[in-house]
Every structure is written in C-alpha cells, then in structure tokens.
Protein backbone atom coordinates (compact mmCIF):
# COMPACT_ATOMS: atom_id res chain seq x y z
CA MET A 1 0.03 0.08 -0.06
CA THR A 2 1.31 3.51 -0.88
CA LEU A 3 1.11 6.06 1.79
CA LEU A 4 0.99 9.84 1.02
CA SER A 5 1.26 12.62 3.49
CA LEU A 6 1.52 16.40 3.12
CA ARG A 7 3.07 18.87 5.42
CA SER A 8 2.99 22.60 4.88
CA CYS A 9 5.61 25.01 6.26
CA GLY A 10 5.23 28.63 4.98
CA SER A 11 5.59 28.46 1.21
CA LEU A 12 7.31 25.10 1.37
CA LEU A 13 5.11 22.09 1.06
CA VAL A 14 6.75 18.67 1.82
CA MET A 15 5.19 15.41 0.39
CA HIS A 16 6.12 12.06 1.78
CA MET A 17 5.31 8.86 -0.06
CA GLY A 18 6.42 5.39 0.80
CA LYS A 19 5.37 1.76 1.47
CA ALA A 20 3.60 0.68 4.66
CA PRO A 21 5.86 -1.63 6.65
CA THR A 22 4.87 -5.21 6.16
CA GLY A 23 6.61 -8.06 8.01
CA ALA A 24 10.47 -7.61 8.00
CA HIS A 25 10.37 -5.10 5.25
CA ARG A 26 11.53 -1.65 6.18
CA ARG A 27 9.60 1.30 5.09
CA GLN A 28 11.02 2.82 1.90
CA ASN A 29 10.42 6.54 1.97
CA ALA A 30 10.59 9.07 -0.96
CA ARG A 31 10.73 12.70 -0.16
CA LEU A 32 9.31 15.32 -2.43
CA SER A 33 9.68 19.01 -1.66
CA ILE A 34 7.70 21.65 -3.58
CA ASN A 35 8.55 25.23 -3.12
CA PHE A 36 6.46 27.82 -5.00
CA SER A 37 6.18 31.59 -4.84
CA SER A 38 2.96 33.38 -5.47
CA ILE A 39 1.54 36.84 -6.30
CA LEU A 40 -1.79 38.53 -5.30
CA VAL A 41 -3.87 36.01 -7.23
CA ARG A 42 -1.89 33.12 -5.47
CA PHE A 43 -1.04 31.49 -8.68
CA PRO A 44 2.27 29.43 -8.52
CA LEU A 45 5.02 31.08 -10.52
CA ALA A 46 8.07 29.00 -9.88
CA ILE A 47 8.09 25.45 -8.67
CA GLU A 48 11.16 23.69 -7.25
CA VAL A 49 11.01 19.99 -7.06
CA ARG A 50 13.52 17.76 -5.28
CA LEU A 51 13.42 13.98 -5.30
CA GLU A 52 15.36 12.46 -2.40
CA GLY A 53 15.94 8.82 -2.03
CA ALA A 54 13.19 7.91 -4.55
CA ALA A 55 13.73 4.68 -6.40
CA GLU A 56 13.70 4.83 -10.23
CA GLY A 57 10.42 3.07 -10.40
CA LYS A 58 8.77 5.50 -7.97
CA GLN A 59 9.78 8.71 -9.73
CA SER A 60 7.22 8.32 -12.52
CA GLU A 61 4.54 7.75 -9.99
CA MET A 62 5.55 10.78 -7.97
CA ARG A 63 5.74 12.94 -11.05
CA ALA A 64 2.20 11.94 -11.93
CA LEU A 65 1.02 12.92 -8.38
CA LEU A 66 2.92 16.15 -8.63
CA ALA A 67 1.26 17.06 -12.01
CA GLY A 68 -2.28 16.49 -10.44
CA PHE A 69 -1.33 18.46 -7.38
CA VAL A 70 -0.01 21.47 -9.42
CA LEU A 71 -3.05 21.47 -11.69
CA GLY A 72 -5.38 21.40 -8.64
CA ILE A 73 -3.58 24.37 -7.13
CA GLY A 74 -3.65 26.34 -10.31
CA ALA A 75 -7.39 25.71 -10.83
CA HIS A 76 -8.22 26.70 -7.24
CA ALA A 77 -6.06 29.82 -7.61
CA CYS A 78 -7.77 30.93 -10.75
CA VAL A 79 -11.22 30.69 -9.03
CA CYS A 80 -10.25 32.22 -5.75
CA GLY A 81 -7.90 34.82 -7.34
CA GLY A 82 -10.47 36.10 -9.71
CA HIS A 83 -13.07 36.39 -6.84
CA SER A 84 -11.04 37.81 -3.97
CA TYR A 85 -8.09 39.43 -5.68
CA GLY A 86 -9.50 40.88 -8.88
CA SER A 87 -7.23 43.87 -8.84
CA SER A 88 -4.76 42.00 -11.04
CA LEU A 89 -7.49 41.53 -13.53
CA TYR A 90 -8.81 45.11 -13.39
CA VAL A 91 -8.78 47.28 -16.46
CA SER A 92 -9.96 51.00 -16.22
CA PRO A 93 -13.16 51.57 -18.27
CA LEU A 94 -11.55 54.32 -20.45
CA PRO A 95 -8.10 54.77 -21.70
CA GLU A 96 -5.77 56.84 -19.68
CA ASN A 97 -5.27 60.48 -20.76
CA PRO A 98 -1.74 61.75 -19.83
CA ASN A 99 -3.08 65.33 -19.82
CA ASN A 100 -5.43 64.72 -16.97
CA SER A 101 -4.74 65.05 -13.23
CA LEU A 102 -3.80 62.17 -11.04
CA VAL A 103 -4.52 62.00 -7.35
CA PHE A 104 -4.12 59.22 -4.76
CA VAL A 105 -5.82 58.19 -1.58
CA ASP A 106 -4.32 55.77 0.95
CA ILE A 107 -6.85 53.50 2.67
CA VAL A 108 -6.33 52.01 6.14
CA ARG A 109 -8.34 49.33 8.05
CA CYS A 110 -9.22 50.27 11.58
CA ARG A 111 -10.23 47.45 14.00
CA ALA A 112 -11.48 48.64 17.37
CA GLY A 113 -10.28 46.60 20.42
CA VAL A 114 -10.99 46.62 24.06
CA LEU A 115 -8.37 49.06 24.95
CA THR A 116 -6.68 50.13 21.78
CA ALA A 117 -7.47 50.30 18.08
CA HIS A 118 -5.41 48.43 15.45
CA ARG A 119 -4.69 50.15 12.10
CA SER A 120 -3.33 48.29 9.00
CA ALA A 121 -2.77 49.58 5.52
CA ALA A 122 -5.24 48.45 2.98
CA GLY A 123 -3.62 49.91 -0.13
CA ARG A 124 -3.32 52.97 -2.34
CA VAL A 125 -5.82 53.98 -4.92
CA THR A 126 -4.63 56.05 -7.94
CA ILE A 127 -7.34 58.04 -9.68
CA GLU A 128 -7.43 59.92 -13.06
CA LEU A 129 -9.60 62.93 -13.04
CA PHE A 130 -11.52 64.09 -16.18
CA ASP A 131 -10.52 67.77 -15.81
CA HIS A 132 -12.06 68.93 -19.08
CA THR A 133 -15.42 67.01 -18.65
CA SER A 134 -16.33 68.38 -15.25
CA PRO A 135 -13.68 71.08 -14.41
CA VAL A 136 -15.48 72.61 -11.35
CA SER A 137 -16.12 69.26 -9.67
CA THR A 138 -12.65 67.79 -10.51
CA THR A 139 -10.97 70.87 -9.12
CA ASN A 140 -12.95 70.53 -5.87
CA PHE A 141 -12.01 66.90 -5.58
CA ARG A 142 -8.31 67.52 -6.44
CA GLU A 143 -8.04 70.30 -3.89
CA LEU A 144 -9.68 68.36 -1.20
CA CYS A 145 -7.16 65.67 -1.88
CA ARG A 146 -4.41 68.36 -1.52
CA GLY A 147 -5.90 69.80 1.65
CA ARG A 148 -4.64 73.36 1.57
CA HIS A 149 -7.98 75.35 1.85
CA GLY A 150 -8.41 75.86 5.53
CA LYS A 151 -11.54 74.81 7.34
CA SER A 152 -15.14 74.27 6.54
CA GLY A 153 -18.06 76.16 7.99
CA THR A 154 -18.25 73.40 10.62
CA GLY A 155 -14.71 73.78 11.74
CA HIS A 156 -13.43 70.68 10.10
CA ASP A 157 -10.39 70.65 7.67
CA LEU A 158 -11.13 70.78 3.99
CA CYS A 159 -9.33 67.64 3.28
CA TYR A 160 -10.13 63.91 2.71
CA ARG A 161 -7.65 62.80 5.24
CA GLY A 162 -9.37 61.05 8.08
CA THR A 163 -12.68 60.68 6.34
CA ARG A 164 -14.51 57.37 6.41
CA LEU A 165 -15.46 54.99 3.50
CA PHE A 166 -18.88 53.27 3.50
CA PRO A 167 -19.06 50.13 1.43
CA ASP A 168 -22.34 49.11 -0.24
CA LYS A 169 -23.18 46.13 -2.40
CA HIS A 170 -22.28 47.96 -5.70
CA CYS A 171 -20.42 51.05 -4.73
CA ILE A 172 -18.24 52.75 -2.06
CA THR A 173 -19.27 56.21 -0.66
CA GLY A 174 -16.97 58.58 1.11
CA GLY A 175 -15.64 62.14 1.30
CA ASP A 176 -17.93 63.72 3.97
CA VAL A 177 -15.29 66.26 5.43
CA THR A 178 -18.04 67.36 7.95
CA PHE A 179 -18.41 63.86 9.47
CA GLY A 180 -22.17 63.79 9.04
CA LEU A 181 -23.04 67.41 10.18
CA VAL A 182 -23.87 68.62 6.68
CA PRO A 183 -25.52 66.23 4.21
CA GLY A 184 -23.25 65.96 1.04
CA GLY A 185 -20.22 67.41 2.88
CA TRP A 186 -18.48 70.83 2.32
CA SER A 187 -16.79 71.97 -0.84
CA ILE A 188 -13.79 74.34 -1.40
CA TYR A 189 -16.37 76.82 -2.87
CA GLY A 190 -18.59 76.95 0.17
CA LYS A 191 -21.27 74.79 1.62
CA GLN A 192 -22.50 73.64 -1.75
CA TYR A 193 -21.94 74.26 -5.44
CA ARG A 194 -23.63 73.19 -8.63
CA GLU A 195 -22.40 71.80 -11.86
CA THR A 196 -24.64 70.37 -14.59
CA PRO A 197 -23.72 66.82 -15.40
CA ARG A 198 -22.67 66.21 -18.90
CA LYS A 199 -24.02 63.31 -20.75
CA ASN A 200 -21.54 60.52 -20.78
CA ASN A 201 -21.99 56.87 -21.90
CA ALA A 202 -19.02 55.59 -19.83
CA LYS A 203 -19.84 52.55 -17.77
CA GLY A 204 -17.99 50.08 -15.77
CA ALA A 205 -16.48 49.35 -12.45
CA GLY A 206 -13.98 51.87 -11.07
CA LEU A 207 -15.73 55.13 -12.22
CA LEU A 208 -15.72 58.05 -9.74
CA TYR A 209 -18.75 60.32 -9.32
CA ALA A 210 -19.54 63.51 -7.29
CA ILE A 211 -22.83 63.16 -5.42
CA GLY A 212 -25.20 65.38 -3.55
CA GLU A 213 -28.84 66.30 -3.03
CA HIS A 214 -30.85 67.86 -5.83
CA SER A 215 -27.74 68.73 -7.93
CA HIS A 216 -26.27 70.52 -4.91
CA LEU A 217 -22.67 69.08 -4.60
CA GLY A 218 -20.28 69.20 -1.61
CA SER A 219 -17.39 66.86 -0.98
CA GLU A 220 -19.01 63.46 -1.09
CA PHE A 221 -18.25 61.04 -3.84
CA VAL A 222 -19.05 57.49 -4.87
CA ILE A 223 -16.90 54.91 -6.57
CA GLY A 224 -18.83 52.44 -8.59
CA MET A 225 -18.09 48.73 -8.36
CA GLU A 226 -19.49 45.80 -10.25
CA GLY A 227 -23.11 46.21 -11.09
CA PHE A 228 -23.33 49.98 -10.18
CA THR A 229 -25.66 52.29 -12.09
CA PRO A 230 -25.29 55.98 -11.68
CA ASP A 231 -28.16 58.43 -11.31
CA ARG A 232 -28.67 61.39 -13.79
CA GLU A 233 -27.57 63.79 -11.08
CA HIS A 234 -24.20 62.04 -10.56
CA VAL A 235 -21.29 64.11 -11.98
CA LEU A 236 -18.54 61.97 -13.52
CA LEU A 237 -15.16 62.82 -11.93
CA GLY A 238 -12.67 60.22 -13.13
CA GLN A 239 -11.64 56.64 -12.95
CA VAL A 240 -9.52 54.29 -10.92
CA LEU A 241 -6.31 53.43 -12.49
CA GLU A 242 -4.53 51.41 -9.80
CA GLY A 243 -5.49 50.03 -6.44
CA TYR A 244 -8.89 48.52 -7.39
CA GLY A 245 -8.02 45.53 -5.11
CA ALA A 246 -7.82 47.80 -2.07
CA LEU A 247 -11.43 48.88 -2.98
CA GLN A 248 -12.54 45.31 -3.15
CA LYS A 249 -11.17 44.78 0.31
CA VAL A 250 -13.39 47.57 1.54
CA GLN A 251 -16.46 46.29 -0.29
CA GLN A 252 -15.94 42.78 1.25
CA GLN A 253 -17.14 44.20 4.49
CA CYS A 254 -20.58 44.09 3.12
CA SER A 255 -20.59 40.31 3.27
CA ARG A 256 -19.87 40.57 7.04
CA PRO A 257 -22.46 43.07 8.45
CA CYS A 258 -21.58 42.31 12.09
CA ALA A 259 -18.15 43.56 11.41
CA THR A 260 -19.28 47.05 10.87
CA HIS A 261 -19.51 47.60 14.54
CA PHE A 262 -15.83 47.26 15.15
CA ILE A 263 -14.07 47.41 11.64
CA SER A 264 -14.08 50.54 9.55
CA TYR A 265 -12.07 51.88 6.57
CA HIS A 266 -10.71 55.47 6.38
CA ILE A 267 -8.56 57.61 4.14
CA SER A 268 -5.30 57.91 5.99
CA ASP A 269 -3.62 60.24 3.32
CA ALA A 270 -4.45 61.85 0.01
CA GLY A 271 -2.50 64.00 -2.46
CA VAL A 272 -1.94 65.09 -6.05
CA LEU A 273 0.44 63.24 -8.22
CA ARG A 274 -0.09 65.30 -11.50
CA GLU A 275 -2.09 68.54 -12.07
CA ALA A 276 -3.70 69.32 -15.39
CA LYS A 277 -3.81 72.74 -16.90
CA THR A 278 -7.33 73.93 -16.20
CA PRO A 279 -8.84 77.32 -15.37
CA ASN A 280 -8.24 78.50 -11.75
CA TYR A 281 -11.41 77.36 -9.87
CA ARG A 282 -9.51 77.00 -6.58
CA ARG A 283 -10.94 80.11 -4.87
CA GLY A 284 -14.44 79.45 -6.22
CA TRP A 285 -16.80 81.49 -8.13
CA ARG A 286 -19.46 83.65 -6.58
CA PHE A 287 -22.17 81.96 -8.66
CA LEU A 288 -21.06 78.67 -7.35
CA ARG A 289 -21.75 79.39 -3.78
CA PHE A 290 -25.09 78.72 -2.08
C-alpha cells in the first residue's frame, strides 16, 4: 500500500510517499519538496522539485502525483484569485489621458479593540480625473485631496484625510469632510456648489462620481463597483487606474455586516500626483456658492 502525507511550512510544502511496513520489510520513503512563490492571485509562478531517495520506479509515480497537485492548485487559484483578488484583472473603463490630473488616496483598515485600536494599510488607490469634462467638480476633488483650503463652516479641515469610507453592495461612498454634520459634505467653494452633469456613456467598475442632493454638490463622492448604475444627477469625476483591489477589500465588509461595529475603513492620506492645466477654480466663483 502506498502512503501519501502532506506537510505545509510557509511557502514550502513537503510530500512524503512510501510503502507501509509489512513483516520484516523496512519502510521505503521518498521525499518530495515543492517550493512555490505566489503573487496576489496566489498562482504558482516558480516550482522547485527535489526527489530525495526515490527509487527509479517510483519517480514516474511521484511525477504523476505532482502534476495532479499542481493542476489542482492552479485551478483553485484561478477561481479564488478572480473572486477575492480581482485587482490584477482590473482594467480601467476608459483609456488613460496623460493630460489629466492624477490623485491618490491611501486606505487604512481600523479595528477597534477593548483598550486600543489596530490600524493596518489596505492599499493605495490612484485616480485619474476628467478635468475637461467636469472642471469645477474635479478641481474641488483635487483640492480636497491636496488639503490646503483651511476649514469648513463646521470647523473641520477641507481635506479627505481622516474621512471614512462606507461600502455598499455595488459602490463605495466617502468624502464627507463634515463627518455627518452637513448632508453631502462641504466644498472648497462653500457649503455647496452646482455643476450640470454632462451626458456620458461611460460605464464600468472603477468610475468616480460626485454626489449630492438635488444637484447641490459638496465633498462626497461614490466609486462604482461591479453592477453599479449612476443616477442622472451624478457628476462623472474620473476613474480608478490602480488599487482596485484595495477597494474590493473595503467592499468585502458588506458580506460581514456584524463586522461594521468594530471594523471601518478610512482615508489616511491623499494628495496630487499630477495636475492638469485647467482654469483656476480653486478660490471658487461667486455663482457657485449657495
């Protein structure tokens, strides 16, 4: 009878195969070590195989077992990787325009404990802004990422740093710099501003929109995920270029509703990587103020 045992140690998986001892026969062991490295999708890239003490007749049998093992790992990685780590498969809905602004937001995962709170980095999201499609709204978003416009009427900093992200089934909402005191948040132009949404047929996961009530916009935004359908009042701001996997981590909290009581996601830092040449809307126009 052939015996097969597996032992996992980190990224090293050791397989023992041999004969069960019968009578005076000693157990003949063959040791097979498999060492593989993986990326985000957990797909084996490099496999190192060592046959130690295996008889010539056993090597073909062990190679057959190894082939089945590797194929099983690969199939499982494709299924799990595409579901949980789709960032490596993400493609932005629209081609990147090198003349548009680029901003970033760093996301952290906060877990409340009994005495202390634990914070761990969830990833960085790089966003391209469509400056020439919605110049007023994109300027507001870019400057809130920069964070150099003082304080809002509620006394909070006009900056996305420290604001919370709220996951939903098909989107992620965030950007309330007033922390719930003013619906829609607060813009760099004042409490609210207005910009007429332009007709755009762009669809897909990773698109960024400015949101508000009755076309009155502030600082809040929404990032569409799989299955998201924007309203007519949503103003298209840009698209996610990198870091979609970090957003998927945030969205996975929806599948664990009980975790919302002690786990939350926040923007720890934000900034501007590249600024487009657009009209100077930073100080705001009087007709934009309400």
